[in-house]
Protein backbone atom coordinates (compact mmCIF):
# COMPACT_ATOMS: atom_id res chain seq x y z
CA UNK A 1 -5.84 -40.29 -52.56
CA UNK A 2 -7.12 -36.70 -52.54
CA UNK A 3 -5.85 -35.83 -56.01
CA UNK A 4 -8.27 -36.88 -58.72
CA UNK A 5 -6.50 -37.93 -61.91
CA UNK A 6 -7.79 -38.57 -65.39
CA UNK A 7 -4.35 -39.58 -66.63
CA UNK A 8 -0.97 -40.29 -64.98
CA UNK A 9 1.13 -37.50 -63.52
CA UNK A 10 4.93 -37.78 -63.38
CA UNK A 11 6.64 -35.99 -60.50
CA UNK A 12 10.19 -35.13 -61.54
CA UNK A 13 13.21 -34.27 -59.43
CA UNK A 14 16.70 -33.73 -60.81
CA UNK A 15 20.12 -33.47 -59.25
CA UNK A 16 22.53 -31.58 -61.49
CA UNK A 17 26.03 -30.23 -61.88
CA UNK A 18 24.66 -26.72 -61.24
CA UNK A 19 21.71 -24.44 -61.88
CA UNK A 20 22.57 -23.05 -65.30
CA UNK A 21 20.01 -24.57 -67.66
CA UNK A 22 22.18 -23.90 -70.70
CA UNK A 23 25.44 -25.43 -69.52
CA UNK A 24 24.82 -27.72 -66.56
CA UNK A 25 23.83 -31.38 -66.81
CA UNK A 26 21.73 -33.96 -64.97
CA UNK A 27 23.53 -36.36 -62.61
CA UNK A 28 20.44 -38.07 -61.21
CA UNK A 29 16.82 -38.24 -62.30
CA UNK A 30 13.93 -39.56 -60.26
CA UNK A 31 10.39 -39.84 -61.62
CA UNK A 32 7.45 -40.89 -59.48
CA UNK A 33 4.49 -41.69 -61.72
CA UNK A 34 1.08 -41.70 -60.06
CA UNK A 35 -1.63 -43.54 -61.95
CA UNK A 36 -5.32 -42.58 -61.91
CA UNK A 37 -6.06 -45.57 -59.66
CA UNK A 38 -3.52 -44.31 -57.09
CA UNK A 39 -0.83 -46.87 -57.88
CA UNK A 40 2.76 -45.67 -58.16
CA UNK A 41 5.65 -46.43 -60.48
CA UNK A 42 9.18 -45.15 -59.84
CA UNK A 43 12.14 -44.71 -62.12
CA UNK A 44 15.48 -43.48 -60.76
CA UNK A 45 18.79 -43.34 -62.54
CA UNK A 46 22.24 -41.95 -61.94
CA UNK A 47 23.46 -40.16 -65.06
CA UNK A 48 27.00 -39.55 -66.26
CA UNK A 49 26.99 -35.83 -67.13
CA UNK A 50 30.18 -36.24 -69.19
CA UNK A 51 31.66 -33.27 -67.37
CA UNK A 52 33.20 -32.87 -63.91
CA UNK A 53 30.71 -32.42 -61.08
CA UNK A 54 31.72 -29.26 -59.18
CA UNK A 55 32.44 -29.83 -55.51
CA UNK A 56 29.80 -27.23 -54.59
CA UNK A 57 27.17 -29.35 -56.33
CA UNK A 58 28.42 -32.59 -54.78
CA UNK A 59 28.23 -30.97 -51.35
CA UNK A 60 24.52 -30.39 -51.94
CA UNK A 61 23.38 -33.72 -53.40
CA UNK A 62 26.25 -36.05 -52.44
CA UNK A 63 26.85 -37.35 -55.96
CA UNK A 64 30.48 -37.46 -57.07
CA UNK A 65 32.35 -38.14 -60.30
CA UNK A 66 33.28 -41.59 -58.98
CA UNK A 67 29.63 -42.49 -58.41
CA UNK A 68 28.60 -41.73 -62.00
CA UNK A 69 31.69 -42.81 -63.92
CA UNK A 70 30.01 -46.08 -65.05
CA UNK A 71 26.50 -44.64 -65.31
CA UNK A 72 24.85 -44.07 -68.70
CA UNK A 73 24.78 -40.65 -70.32
CA UNK A 74 21.41 -38.93 -70.61
CA UNK A 75 21.42 -39.59 -74.33
CA UNK A 76 21.60 -43.33 -73.65
CA UNK A 77 18.50 -43.28 -71.43
CA UNK A 78 16.57 -40.44 -73.07
CA UNK A 79 14.13 -42.67 -74.99
CA UNK A 80 13.47 -44.78 -71.91
CA UNK A 81 12.75 -41.65 -69.83
CA UNK A 82 10.52 -40.22 -72.52
CA UNK A 83 8.50 -43.44 -72.80
CA UNK A 84 8.08 -43.62 -69.02
CA UNK A 85 6.45 -40.19 -69.09
CA UNK A 86 4.28 -40.90 -72.14
CA UNK A 87 0.82 -39.35 -71.83
CA UNK A 88 1.67 -37.96 -68.39
CA UNK A 89 1.06 -34.58 -66.90
CA UNK A 90 4.14 -33.22 -65.12
CA UNK A 91 4.68 -32.23 -61.51
CA UNK A 92 7.43 -31.20 -59.14
CA UNK A 93 8.67 -28.61 -56.67
CA UNK A 94 10.00 -25.50 -58.41
CA UNK A 95 9.78 -27.76 -61.44
CA UNK A 96 8.34 -25.17 -63.81
CA UNK A 97 11.41 -22.97 -63.34
CA UNK A 98 14.11 -25.60 -63.06
CA UNK A 99 13.49 -29.34 -63.38
CA UNK A 100 11.29 -29.28 -66.48
CA UNK A 101 13.39 -26.68 -68.37
CA UNK A 102 16.56 -28.63 -67.51
CA UNK A 103 15.00 -31.92 -68.61
CA UNK A 104 13.83 -30.45 -71.91
CA UNK A 105 17.32 -29.02 -72.48
CA UNK A 106 18.82 -32.49 -72.01
CA UNK A 107 16.29 -34.00 -74.44
CA UNK A 108 17.27 -31.38 -77.03
CA UNK A 109 20.97 -32.17 -76.55
CA UNK A 110 20.12 -35.83 -77.11
CA UNK A 111 18.31 -34.94 -80.33
CA UNK A 112 14.92 -36.01 -78.97
CA UNK A 113 11.78 -33.93 -79.14
CA UNK A 114 9.88 -33.85 -75.87
CA UNK A 115 6.83 -31.66 -76.08
CA UNK A 116 4.96 -30.22 -73.10
CA UNK A 117 2.07 -29.19 -75.32
CA UNK A 118 -1.19 -30.55 -73.97
CA UNK A 119 0.40 -31.53 -70.66
CA UNK A 120 -0.51 -29.85 -67.38
CA UNK A 121 2.55 -28.76 -65.38
CA UNK A 122 1.80 -28.65 -61.67
CA UNK A 123 4.33 -26.93 -59.40
CA UNK A 124 3.70 -27.62 -55.70
CA UNK A 125 6.00 -24.74 -54.72
CA UNK A 126 3.70 -22.27 -56.44
CA UNK A 127 0.72 -23.60 -54.48
CA UNK A 128 2.74 -23.31 -51.27
CA UNK A 129 3.75 -19.72 -51.92
CA UNK A 130 0.23 -18.68 -52.91
CA UNK A 131 -1.54 -20.34 -50.01
CA UNK A 132 0.98 -19.64 -47.24
CA UNK A 133 1.83 -15.95 -47.25
CA UNK A 134 5.47 -14.95 -47.00
CA UNK A 135 4.83 -11.44 -45.68
CA UNK A 136 6.11 -9.99 -42.43
CA UNK A 137 2.50 -9.64 -41.25
CA UNK A 138 1.94 -13.36 -41.79
CA UNK A 139 5.18 -14.27 -40.00
CA UNK A 140 4.28 -11.96 -37.09
CA UNK A 141 0.89 -13.66 -36.73
CA UNK A 142 2.39 -17.15 -37.05
CA UNK A 143 5.32 -16.75 -34.64
CA UNK A 144 4.04 -14.08 -32.24
CA UNK A 145 0.27 -14.56 -32.55
CA UNK A 146 -0.17 -10.82 -32.94
CA UNK A 147 -1.61 -8.65 -35.67
CA UNK A 148 0.88 -6.25 -37.21
CA UNK A 149 -0.71 -2.83 -37.02
CA UNK A 150 0.89 -0.06 -39.05
CA UNK A 151 2.42 -2.58 -41.46
CA UNK A 152 4.91 -0.89 -43.79
CA UNK A 153 5.68 1.68 -41.13
CA UNK A 154 9.45 1.33 -40.88
CA UNK A 155 9.56 1.31 -37.08
CA UNK A 156 6.65 -1.12 -36.72
CA UNK A 157 8.16 -3.48 -39.31
CA UNK A 158 11.62 -3.37 -37.70
CA UNK A 159 10.19 -4.10 -34.25
CA UNK A 160 8.04 -6.92 -35.63
CA UNK A 161 11.07 -8.44 -37.38
CA UNK A 162 12.98 -8.46 -34.09
CA UNK A 163 10.07 -10.14 -32.28
CA UNK A 164 9.73 -12.72 -35.07
CA UNK A 165 13.43 -13.65 -34.88
CA UNK A 166 13.31 -13.89 -31.10
CA UNK A 167 10.26 -16.15 -31.34
CA UNK A 168 12.00 -18.28 -33.97
CA UNK A 169 14.92 -18.85 -31.58
CA UNK A 170 12.45 -20.18 -29.01
CA UNK A 171 10.50 -22.30 -31.50
CA UNK A 172 13.50 -23.83 -33.28
CA UNK A 173 16.25 -24.70 -30.76
CA UNK A 174 18.23 -26.30 -33.58
CA UNK A 175 19.03 -22.90 -35.13
CA UNK A 176 20.94 -21.81 -32.02
CA UNK A 177 20.54 -18.68 -29.95
CA UNK A 178 23.39 -16.54 -31.20
CA UNK A 179 23.68 -14.42 -34.32
CA UNK A 180 26.65 -16.49 -35.45
CA UNK A 181 24.75 -19.75 -35.01
CA UNK A 182 21.70 -18.49 -36.91
CA UNK A 183 23.85 -17.25 -39.80
CA UNK A 184 25.59 -20.62 -39.90
CA UNK A 185 22.21 -22.39 -39.91
CA UNK A 186 20.70 -20.30 -42.69
CA UNK A 187 23.90 -20.12 -44.70
CA UNK A 188 25.61 -16.87 -45.55
CA UNK A 189 25.69 -16.00 -49.22
CA UNK A 190 29.20 -15.61 -50.59
CA UNK A 191 28.25 -12.59 -52.67
CA UNK A 192 30.48 -10.33 -54.71
CA UNK A 193 28.06 -7.49 -55.38
CA UNK A 194 24.63 -7.12 -53.85
CA UNK A 195 22.89 -7.11 -57.23
CA UNK A 196 24.52 -10.52 -57.81
CA UNK A 197 25.80 -9.60 -61.23
CA UNK A 198 28.93 -11.47 -60.12
CA UNK A 199 29.08 -14.65 -58.04
CA UNK A 200 31.92 -16.82 -56.81
CA UNK A 201 32.62 -20.22 -58.30
CA UNK A 202 35.21 -22.07 -56.22
CA UNK A 203 36.44 -18.71 -54.94
CA UNK A 204 36.70 -17.12 -58.39
CA UNK A 205 34.48 -14.18 -59.38
CA UNK A 206 32.41 -15.04 -62.45
CA UNK A 207 29.73 -13.21 -64.40
CA UNK A 208 26.18 -14.11 -63.43
CA UNK A 209 24.41 -12.55 -66.42
CA UNK A 210 24.65 -11.90 -70.11
CA UNK A 211 26.83 -13.38 -72.79
CA UNK A 212 29.71 -14.01 -70.37
CA UNK A 213 27.66 -15.77 -67.71
CA UNK A 214 29.80 -18.34 -65.94
CA UNK A 215 33.09 -16.90 -67.22
CA UNK A 216 35.71 -15.53 -64.80
CA UNK A 217 35.52 -11.75 -64.62
CA UNK A 218 39.30 -11.38 -64.90
CA UNK A 219 39.40 -13.51 -68.03
CA UNK A 220 36.74 -11.40 -69.72
CA UNK A 221 38.42 -8.13 -68.74
CA UNK A 222 41.69 -9.36 -70.23
CA UNK A 223 40.14 -10.66 -73.45
CA UNK A 224 37.56 -7.91 -73.89
CA UNK A 225 38.71 -4.79 -72.00
CA UNK A 226 35.93 -2.68 -73.55
CA UNK A 227 33.42 -4.72 -71.54
CA UNK A 228 34.57 -2.84 -68.45
CA UNK A 229 33.79 0.51 -70.09
CA UNK A 230 30.41 -0.78 -71.24
CA UNK A 231 29.44 -1.80 -67.72
CA UNK A 232 30.72 1.39 -66.14
CA UNK A 233 28.60 3.45 -68.54
CA UNK A 234 25.60 1.14 -68.22
CA UNK A 235 22.64 1.19 -65.87
CA UNK A 236 24.25 -1.01 -63.22
CA UNK A 237 24.18 -0.35 -59.46
CA UNK A 238 27.10 1.62 -58.09
CA UNK A 239 28.04 -1.31 -55.86
CA UNK A 240 28.36 -3.53 -58.93
CA UNK A 241 30.60 -0.95 -60.64
CA UNK A 242 32.64 -0.62 -57.47
CA UNK A 243 33.27 -4.36 -57.27
CA UNK A 244 34.10 -4.55 -60.97
CA UNK A 245 36.66 -1.79 -60.50
CA UNK A 246 38.12 -3.56 -57.47
CA UNK A 247 38.57 -6.74 -59.52
CA UNK A 248 40.21 -4.78 -62.35
CA UNK A 249 42.50 -2.90 -59.96
CA UNK A 250 43.54 -6.14 -58.33
CA UNK A 251 44.74 -7.29 -61.75
CA UNK A 252 46.64 -4.08 -62.36
CA UNK A 253 48.35 -4.33 -58.97
CA UNK A 254 49.48 -7.87 -59.75
CA UNK A 255 51.00 -6.67 -63.02
CA UNK A 256 53.08 -4.04 -61.27
CA UNK A 257 54.45 -6.43 -58.65
């Protein structure tokens, strides 16, 4: 083992009903505890979130309402989970931004205090992003084995991007060799506005910020029409205002039909 430990470290991964820390819930928790001597202990549990699991979430992690209907709630296993991580540092992948905040939120809902004070929180994703550059120059060197001269010159960057993509098609046959195939492989965001102030939830536009986050835009505009005026006068991108107006106009058209 390369990692030198003075106390156990618990690597946490969660599957959830969504990515909203405040409203979504855990449906599966896995903890891999590495001891200072290199031995490993594992705890994995399905959790009943006591709310429907959206199909979009099930499509990602494969866990359905049927699979968790007889599983315990987080509150029922919270003490057991807490004890398993006693005196452990914490680790994960993107865990500092998602898994640990979500886990702490669930502990709070269960009425249990889980403190991170005095614990190290190691996020392997942060190491990855620091050590392996995600710049165009780095990609150009990796895929094309060339140095990008005149980086940040628009023409040089555009040409390098084309060469990188062409090299990726050769290196990764599984992504396909057409634009349509590559878009299908990478996934095309179903965006509403480019600033992502609105997103789609099962085909319905919902707010992605502020006090109405997660609520359907149409519902908010009906219940609080002044919110439209506030956004139109606010410092939002024009594209966001355009899409908001399109949503409002769609409502008005329906009323006249």
